[in-house]
């Protein structure tokens, strides 16, 4: 039986949802999937600036809301957890269910239906790693460490330019981030590396970034070209990426910064020590 998605049904569902419910659905759509822990950090913060005294209490509150949204058919859990059994419900990974996807599309009068497919483990782990970095940036902004002026996830952060052959070339960063303090702004394209890509593939991506810089599209739009930040899982991997960039003929190493996940927030902050030049993405 086909359920008719009528304006009445949309209003009826809308009346059952709180503002936070809707924000959770929007976050899951934005990141494509989120774990219970990431949803807790985004929407149920604990501690000084949160409504919960501690993380266990915040996790219980998060789980109650997610189970209710699941009962409405708005979200669905993926069969694979992250972090193993010891992480319990916090390791559950959620994505929008068909009803949740329809509901959000109806809110913005979007007729394009999304096709749901089961993600691979590699895709899921990379997606959640990008989301974790984004949540960490959001948490620092809440603490007043810096302002988060812009944060674009895929596909909003994608950029396009015309190649030498006249064909459209699409650049696909993992994130585009702008942070600021009272004196400086840092504009960055972010690539989250999990050591699963061969180094030649990373170099090819860097060549695409350089071609996008040479097109002038970004500079015309924003007045500068963002710093390209590669975030590696550890220092040995970061060193390998750095060497590959530095030793590739014709590639401008000044366009790229390579860091580790442990140092990523510092590198993405509006730090004047990181200012380079018109390619370096800070002002």
Foldseek 3Di string as FASTA:
>chain_A
DDDDPDPVVLVVVVVVDDPLLLVLLVVLVQLQKEFLQLSLLVRANEPDPGPHPDDVVSSVVSVVSVVVCVVVQQKDWAPDFPPDPVCPRRRIMMHTGQVNQVSVCVVVVHPDGDDDDRDDPVVVVQSHVLSVLVSVLVVCVVVVVWPWPDKHAPPVPKDWDADPVRDIDIQHARMWTWIGDPPKIATEGEHEDEPPDDLVVVVVSLVVLVRVVVRCPCCVVPVAAHAYEYEYADDVVLVVNLVSQVPDPPGDSLSYDYYYPVCVSVQNHRDPVQDDDRSHGMD
